Amino acid sequence: MSQKHFLFSPGIWLGQGAIVFSTTPEELKFYMRWTIRSTDEGKIIGLQEIELSGVSEKMVNEYHFMPNNSDKFGVRLENDILGKIRGQGFSDDRIVAWEFRQSPAEFEGVEVYEKQEDGNYVTRAEYITSDQYRTTIRGKLWKTETPEPFKEEG
């Protein structure tokens, strides 16, 4: 896995963007905070907190990344809604991405983070459930030195 990506930069990464659910045509603004840390076992833990504009409850996802010596890695997502889901990821010099395929196709999704010239990321993701409920996400991510979770950039 490329050591140049945000997953290998312990600290706080902030993001914002838009999320669309297939059940409504409305586009909601979201804010996120990634808190990245590594463990003694060589794993990387990313705590992702997401707030939707106009929604009081925050969603919390805990990711466990298990790098190996190639550009591929294992990933596990844990949250209150899905429980634990396992997936696979890959990275190159520009992109870090992962996908989930829960059998029998109850939940599928992909997240892609594309590094920009300034070191920030453009992100896109899509998730779908067995009942064809689809979530589409587009946004950006940047590193911050302050723990303020949802400061808007530019």
Protein backbone atom coordinates (compact mmCIF):
# COMPACT_ATOMS: atom_id res chain seq x y z
CA MET A 1 0.00 0.00 0.00
CA SER A 2 1.43 3.35 -0.99
CA GLN A 3 2.84 5.08 2.08
CA LYS A 4 1.97 8.46 0.57
CA HIS A 5 -1.76 8.40 1.30
CA PHE A 6 -3.78 9.92 4.14
CA LEU A 7 -4.20 6.52 5.77
CA PHE A 8 -0.50 6.64 6.65
CA SER A 9 -0.62 10.16 8.08
CA PRO A 10 -1.81 9.83 11.67
CA GLY A 11 -3.87 12.79 12.74
CA ILE A 12 -7.06 14.53 11.77
CA TRP A 13 -8.39 14.81 8.22
CA LEU A 14 -11.52 16.86 7.52
CA GLY A 15 -13.92 16.60 4.63
CA GLN A 16 -17.09 17.95 3.16
CA GLY A 17 -19.28 17.25 0.20
CA ALA A 18 -22.71 16.09 -0.92
CA ILE A 19 -24.61 12.88 -0.35
CA VAL A 20 -27.65 11.64 -2.28
CA PHE A 21 -29.96 8.82 -1.21
CA SER A 22 -32.00 6.97 -3.82
CA THR A 23 -35.15 7.51 -1.77
CA THR A 24 -35.08 11.28 -2.28
CA PRO A 25 -33.86 13.62 -5.03
CA GLU A 26 -32.54 16.05 -2.43
CA GLU A 27 -28.77 16.46 -2.13
CA LEU A 28 -27.57 16.83 1.47
CA LYS A 29 -24.36 18.52 2.50
CA PHE A 30 -22.12 16.43 4.76
CA TYR A 31 -19.07 17.06 6.92
CA MET A 32 -16.65 14.36 8.02
CA ARG A 33 -13.67 13.90 10.23
CA TRP A 34 -11.19 11.04 9.90
CA THR A 35 -8.99 10.35 12.93
CA ILE A 36 -6.14 8.10 11.76
CA ARG A 37 -3.87 6.13 14.07
CA SER A 38 -1.64 3.08 13.75
CA THR A 39 -1.41 0.15 16.15
CA ASP A 40 1.53 -1.82 17.50
CA GLU A 41 0.49 -4.73 15.26
CA GLY A 42 0.98 -2.63 12.10
CA LYS A 43 -2.73 -2.11 11.50
CA ILE A 44 -4.22 1.29 10.83
CA ILE A 45 -7.44 2.39 12.48
CA GLY A 46 -9.51 5.16 10.99
CA LEU A 47 -12.44 6.58 12.90
CA GLN A 48 -14.76 8.33 10.44
CA GLU A 49 -17.42 10.65 11.86
CA ILE A 50 -20.07 12.01 9.49
CA GLU A 51 -22.61 14.76 10.07
CA LEU A 52 -25.38 15.50 7.59
CA SER A 53 -26.69 19.02 7.30
CA GLY A 54 -30.01 19.23 9.13
CA VAL A 55 -29.60 15.84 10.89
CA SER A 56 -28.72 15.86 14.59
CA GLU A 57 -27.38 12.31 14.84
CA LYS A 58 -23.77 11.68 13.82
CA MET A 59 -22.77 8.48 11.98
CA VAL A 60 -19.57 6.81 13.20
CA ASN A 61 -17.64 4.26 11.14
CA GLU A 62 -14.58 2.47 12.43
CA TYR A 63 -12.23 1.16 9.75
CA HIS A 64 -9.44 -1.33 10.34
CA PHE A 65 -6.88 -1.42 7.52
CA MET A 66 -4.52 -4.41 7.33
CA PRO A 67 -1.68 -3.54 4.96
CA ASN A 68 0.63 -6.11 3.45
CA ASN A 69 3.74 -5.78 1.31
CA SER A 70 1.87 -5.12 -1.92
CA ASP A 71 -0.51 -2.45 -3.13
CA LYS A 72 -3.47 -4.47 -1.80
CA PHE A 73 -4.82 -4.50 1.73
CA GLY A 74 -7.66 -5.87 3.81
CA VAL A 75 -10.25 -3.58 5.35
CA ARG A 76 -12.96 -4.07 7.94
CA LEU A 77 -15.78 -1.58 8.49
CA GLU A 78 -17.71 -1.53 11.76
CA ASN A 79 -20.76 0.56 12.60
CA ASP A 80 -24.07 0.28 14.48
CA ILE A 81 -26.14 -0.25 11.33
CA LEU A 82 -24.07 -2.81 9.39
CA GLY A 83 -22.11 -4.51 12.14
CA LYS A 84 -18.78 -5.78 10.77
CA ILE A 85 -18.14 -5.94 7.03
CA ARG A 86 -14.91 -7.12 5.41
CA GLY A 87 -13.51 -5.85 2.16
CA GLN A 88 -10.43 -5.42 0.01
CA GLY A 89 -8.52 -2.33 -0.99
CA PHE A 90 -5.71 -1.20 -3.23
CA SER A 91 -3.57 1.85 -3.76
CA ASP A 92 -1.16 3.34 -6.23
CA ASP A 93 0.62 6.70 -6.33
CA ARG A 94 -2.61 8.63 -6.92
CA ILE A 95 -5.48 6.56 -5.54
CA VAL A 96 -6.42 4.65 -2.43
CA ALA A 97 -9.71 2.75 -2.64
CA TRP A 98 -11.62 -0.14 -1.12
CA GLU A 99 -14.73 -2.15 -1.78
CA PHE A 100 -17.12 -4.28 0.22
CA ARG A 101 -19.06 -7.25 -1.13
CA GLN A 102 -21.12 -8.91 1.59
CA SER A 103 -22.52 -12.25 0.60
CA PRO A 104 -25.22 -12.80 -0.46
CA ALA A 105 -25.13 -9.27 -1.92
CA GLU A 106 -26.88 -7.66 1.05
CA PHE A 107 -24.45 -4.76 0.99
CA GLU A 108 -21.96 -3.60 -1.63
CA GLY A 109 -19.93 -0.46 -1.84
CA VAL A 110 -16.81 1.26 -3.02
CA GLU A 111 -14.89 4.29 -1.74
CA VAL A 112 -12.21 6.06 -3.80
CA TYR A 113 -9.84 8.78 -2.59
CA GLU A 114 -7.82 10.48 -5.34
CA LYS A 115 -4.83 12.54 -4.24
CA GLN A 116 -4.54 16.01 -5.76
CA GLU A 117 -1.41 18.09 -6.47
CA ASP A 118 -1.90 20.06 -3.23
CA GLY A 119 -2.00 16.88 -1.09
CA ASN A 120 -5.77 17.03 -0.55
CA TYR A 121 -8.15 14.37 -1.85
CA VAL A 122 -11.24 14.21 -4.01
CA THR A 123 -13.48 11.39 -2.81
CA ARG A 124 -16.39 9.50 -4.26
CA ALA A 125 -18.31 6.53 -2.95
CA GLU A 126 -21.35 4.48 -3.76
CA TYR A 127 -23.17 1.95 -1.62
CA ILE A 128 -26.13 -0.26 -2.45
CA THR A 129 -28.16 -2.68 -0.34
CA SER A 130 -30.06 -5.80 -1.39
CA ASP A 131 -33.30 -3.81 -1.62
CA GLN A 132 -31.61 -1.48 -4.15
CA TYR A 133 -31.28 1.39 -1.66
CA ARG A 134 -28.42 3.45 -3.10
CA THR A 135 -26.21 6.11 -1.51
CA THR A 136 -23.88 8.26 -3.62
CA ILE A 137 -21.20 10.48 -2.06
CA ARG A 138 -18.87 13.11 -3.56
CA GLY A 139 -16.54 15.35 -1.61
CA LYS A 140 -13.06 16.48 -0.66
CA LEU A 141 -10.68 15.71 2.19
CA TRP A 142 -7.79 17.71 3.67
CA LYS A 143 -5.41 17.40 6.64
CA THR A 144 -5.76 19.76 9.57
CA GLU A 145 -3.62 20.56 12.56
CA THR A 146 -6.62 21.49 14.69
CA PRO A 147 -9.15 19.02 16.12
CA GLU A 148 -12.10 21.25 15.12
CA PRO A 149 -14.24 18.64 13.36
CA PHE A 150 -16.21 20.41 10.68
CA LYS A 151 -14.50 23.63 9.66
CA GLU A 152 -15.38 24.39 6.05
CA GLU A 153 -12.58 24.96 3.59
CA GLY A 154 -12.76 27.50 0.78
